[in-house]
Amino acid sequence: MLVIHELRAFHDLIRDSGMEDNAGTIYLVEAVKGDLRKACSLCGVLKWIGEHALRLKLVNDEEV
């Protein structure tokens, strides 16, 4: 569960990346099996998908 400061940091990352084309890195942990977890990191610029949709796409230099 995300705590308030994590949500605020995530919101700032989305706002800065989407408005100013700043690259950011997102770290996440996925459940694999039972108590086993896999840590992942993704880097790129967040782009809004659609005019009114609240969906994002993480774009790196290979996709631009």
N, C-alpha and C. Protein backbone atom coordinates (compact mmCIF):
# COMPACT_ATOMS: atom_id res chain seq x y z
N MET A 1 0.84 -1.17 0.00
CA MET A 1 0.00 0.00 0.00
C MET A 1 0.89 1.25 0.00
N LEU A 2 0.56 2.19 -0.85
CA LEU A 2 1.32 3.42 -0.93
C LEU A 2 0.96 4.34 0.23
N VAL A 3 1.97 4.97 0.79
CA VAL A 3 1.71 5.95 1.83
C VAL A 3 1.67 7.34 1.19
N ILE A 4 1.24 8.33 1.96
CA ILE A 4 1.00 9.68 1.43
C ILE A 4 2.23 10.26 0.73
N HIS A 5 3.42 10.17 1.33
CA HIS A 5 4.59 10.78 0.70
C HIS A 5 4.96 10.05 -0.59
N GLU A 6 4.70 8.74 -0.69
CA GLU A 6 4.94 8.02 -1.94
C GLU A 6 3.96 8.46 -3.02
N LEU A 7 2.70 8.65 -2.65
CA LEU A 7 1.71 9.14 -3.61
C LEU A 7 2.06 10.54 -4.10
N ARG A 8 2.50 11.39 -3.21
CA ARG A 8 2.88 12.76 -3.58
C ARG A 8 4.08 12.73 -4.53
N ALA A 9 5.07 11.90 -4.24
CA ALA A 9 6.25 11.79 -5.10
C ALA A 9 5.86 11.24 -6.47
N PHE A 10 4.96 10.26 -6.51
CA PHE A 10 4.50 9.69 -7.78
C PHE A 10 3.73 10.75 -8.58
N HIS A 11 2.89 11.53 -7.91
CA HIS A 11 2.15 12.60 -8.57
C HIS A 11 3.11 13.63 -9.16
N ASP A 12 4.14 14.02 -8.41
CA ASP A 12 5.12 14.99 -8.90
C ASP A 12 5.87 14.45 -10.11
N LEU A 13 6.24 13.17 -10.08
CA LEU A 13 6.92 12.54 -11.22
C LEU A 13 6.05 12.59 -12.47
N ILE A 14 4.78 12.25 -12.33
CA ILE A 14 3.85 12.27 -13.46
C ILE A 14 3.70 13.69 -14.00
N ARG A 15 3.49 14.65 -13.12
CA ARG A 15 3.29 16.04 -13.54
C ARG A 15 4.53 16.58 -14.26
N ASP A 16 5.71 16.41 -13.66
CA ASP A 16 6.93 16.94 -14.25
C ASP A 16 7.27 16.27 -15.57
N SER A 17 7.12 14.97 -15.63
CA SER A 17 7.45 14.25 -16.85
C SER A 17 6.47 14.58 -17.97
N GLY A 18 5.19 14.61 -17.64
CA GLY A 18 4.17 14.86 -18.66
C GLY A 18 4.17 16.28 -19.19
N MET A 19 4.46 17.26 -18.33
CA MET A 19 4.39 18.66 -18.74
C MET A 19 5.70 19.18 -19.29
N GLU A 20 6.82 18.66 -18.82
CA GLU A 20 8.12 19.23 -19.18
C GLU A 20 9.02 18.25 -19.92
N ASP A 21 8.50 17.09 -20.30
CA ASP A 21 9.28 16.06 -20.99
C ASP A 21 10.54 15.67 -20.23
N ASN A 22 10.44 15.62 -18.91
CA ASN A 22 11.55 15.15 -18.08
C ASN A 22 11.47 13.64 -17.95
N ALA A 23 12.60 12.99 -18.10
CA ALA A 23 12.63 11.54 -17.92
C ALA A 23 12.56 11.22 -16.43
N GLY A 24 11.97 10.09 -16.13
CA GLY A 24 11.88 9.64 -14.75
C GLY A 24 12.04 8.13 -14.69
N THR A 25 12.33 7.65 -13.52
CA THR A 25 12.46 6.21 -13.31
C THR A 25 11.40 5.77 -12.32
N ILE A 26 10.68 4.73 -12.68
CA ILE A 26 9.65 4.17 -11.82
C ILE A 26 10.15 2.81 -11.33
N TYR A 27 10.14 2.63 -10.02
CA TYR A 27 10.52 1.36 -9.42
C TYR A 27 9.26 0.68 -8.91
N LEU A 28 9.16 -0.61 -9.16
CA LEU A 28 8.00 -1.34 -8.66
C LEU A 28 8.41 -2.75 -8.27
N VAL A 29 7.59 -3.35 -7.44
CA VAL A 29 7.83 -4.72 -6.99
C VAL A 29 6.61 -5.54 -7.38
N GLU A 30 6.84 -6.62 -8.10
CA GLU A 30 5.76 -7.50 -8.54
C GLU A 30 5.77 -8.78 -7.73
N ALA A 31 4.59 -9.26 -7.40
CA ALA A 31 4.47 -10.57 -6.76
C ALA A 31 4.65 -11.63 -7.84
N VAL A 32 5.51 -12.59 -7.58
CA VAL A 32 5.77 -13.65 -8.56
C VAL A 32 5.07 -14.93 -8.15
N LYS A 33 5.36 -15.40 -6.94
CA LYS A 33 4.78 -16.66 -6.47
C LYS A 33 4.91 -16.69 -4.95
N GLY A 34 3.80 -16.81 -4.28
CA GLY A 34 3.84 -16.85 -2.82
C GLY A 34 4.46 -15.58 -2.25
N ASP A 35 5.53 -15.74 -1.48
CA ASP A 35 6.23 -14.59 -0.91
C ASP A 35 7.36 -14.09 -1.80
N LEU A 36 7.56 -14.70 -2.95
CA LEU A 36 8.62 -14.30 -3.87
C LEU A 36 8.22 -13.03 -4.61
N ARG A 37 9.12 -12.06 -4.65
CA ARG A 37 8.87 -10.78 -5.31
C ARG A 37 9.97 -10.51 -6.34
N LYS A 38 9.64 -9.72 -7.34
CA LYS A 38 10.59 -9.33 -8.37
C LYS A 38 10.61 -7.80 -8.44
N ALA A 39 11.80 -7.20 -8.29
CA ALA A 39 11.94 -5.75 -8.37
C ALA A 39 12.22 -5.36 -9.82
N CYS A 40 11.55 -4.31 -10.28
CA CYS A 40 11.71 -3.83 -11.65
C CYS A 40 11.90 -2.32 -11.63
N SER A 41 12.59 -1.81 -12.63
CA SER A 41 12.68 -0.36 -12.81
C SER A 41 12.47 -0.05 -14.28
N LEU A 42 11.74 1.03 -14.53
CA LEU A 42 11.43 1.47 -15.88
C LEU A 42 11.83 2.93 -15.99
N CYS A 43 12.46 3.31 -17.09
CA CYS A 43 12.91 4.68 -17.27
C CYS A 43 12.36 5.24 -18.57
N GLY A 44 11.93 6.48 -18.54
CA GLY A 44 11.45 7.14 -19.74
C GLY A 44 10.64 8.38 -19.39
N VAL A 45 9.98 8.92 -20.41
CA VAL A 45 9.13 10.09 -20.26
C VAL A 45 7.68 9.62 -20.29
N LEU A 46 6.88 10.13 -19.38
CA LEU A 46 5.46 9.77 -19.36
C LEU A 46 4.70 10.61 -20.37
N LYS A 47 3.91 9.96 -21.21
CA LYS A 47 3.07 10.64 -22.20
C LYS A 47 1.62 10.29 -21.93
N TRP A 48 0.75 11.28 -22.03
CA TRP A 48 -0.68 11.05 -21.85
C TRP A 48 -1.23 10.37 -23.08
N ILE A 49 -2.09 9.38 -22.89
CA ILE A 49 -2.76 8.67 -23.98
C ILE A 49 -4.18 9.19 -24.04
N GLY A 50 -4.55 9.75 -25.16
CA GLY A 50 -5.91 10.27 -25.32
C GLY A 50 -6.07 11.64 -24.69
N GLU A 51 -7.05 12.37 -25.17
CA GLU A 51 -7.26 13.73 -24.69
C GLU A 51 -7.91 13.77 -23.32
N HIS A 52 -8.88 12.90 -23.08
CA HIS A 52 -9.62 12.92 -21.82
C HIS A 52 -9.37 11.69 -20.96
N ALA A 53 -8.64 10.73 -21.48
CA ALA A 53 -8.39 9.50 -20.73
C ALA A 53 -7.29 9.73 -19.70
N LEU A 54 -7.45 9.14 -18.55
CA LEU A 54 -6.44 9.25 -17.51
C LEU A 54 -5.49 8.07 -17.59
N ARG A 55 -4.90 7.91 -18.77
CA ARG A 55 -3.96 6.80 -19.00
C ARG A 55 -2.62 7.38 -19.42
N LEU A 56 -1.56 6.70 -19.00
CA LEU A 56 -0.20 7.14 -19.29
C LEU A 56 0.56 6.04 -20.01
N LYS A 57 1.57 6.45 -20.77
CA LYS A 57 2.48 5.50 -21.39
C LYS A 57 3.89 5.97 -21.09
N LEU A 58 4.75 5.05 -20.70
CA LEU A 58 6.15 5.37 -20.44
C LEU A 58 6.91 5.17 -21.74
N VAL A 59 7.51 6.24 -22.26
CA VAL A 59 8.18 6.21 -23.56
C VAL A 59 9.67 6.42 -23.34
N ASN A 60 10.49 5.58 -23.97
CA ASN A 60 11.93 5.80 -23.90
C ASN A 60 12.43 6.23 -25.27
N ASP A 61 13.73 6.47 -25.41
CA ASP A 61 14.26 7.00 -26.66
C ASP A 61 14.12 6.03 -27.84
N GLU A 62 13.89 4.76 -27.59
CA GLU A 62 13.70 3.80 -28.67
C GLU A 62 12.30 3.88 -29.26
N GLU A 63 11.33 4.44 -28.53
CA GLU A 63 9.94 4.50 -28.98
C GLU A 63 9.55 5.85 -29.54
N VAL A 64 10.38 6.86 -29.38
CA VAL A 64 10.02 8.22 -29.81
C VAL A 64 10.11 8.34 -31.31
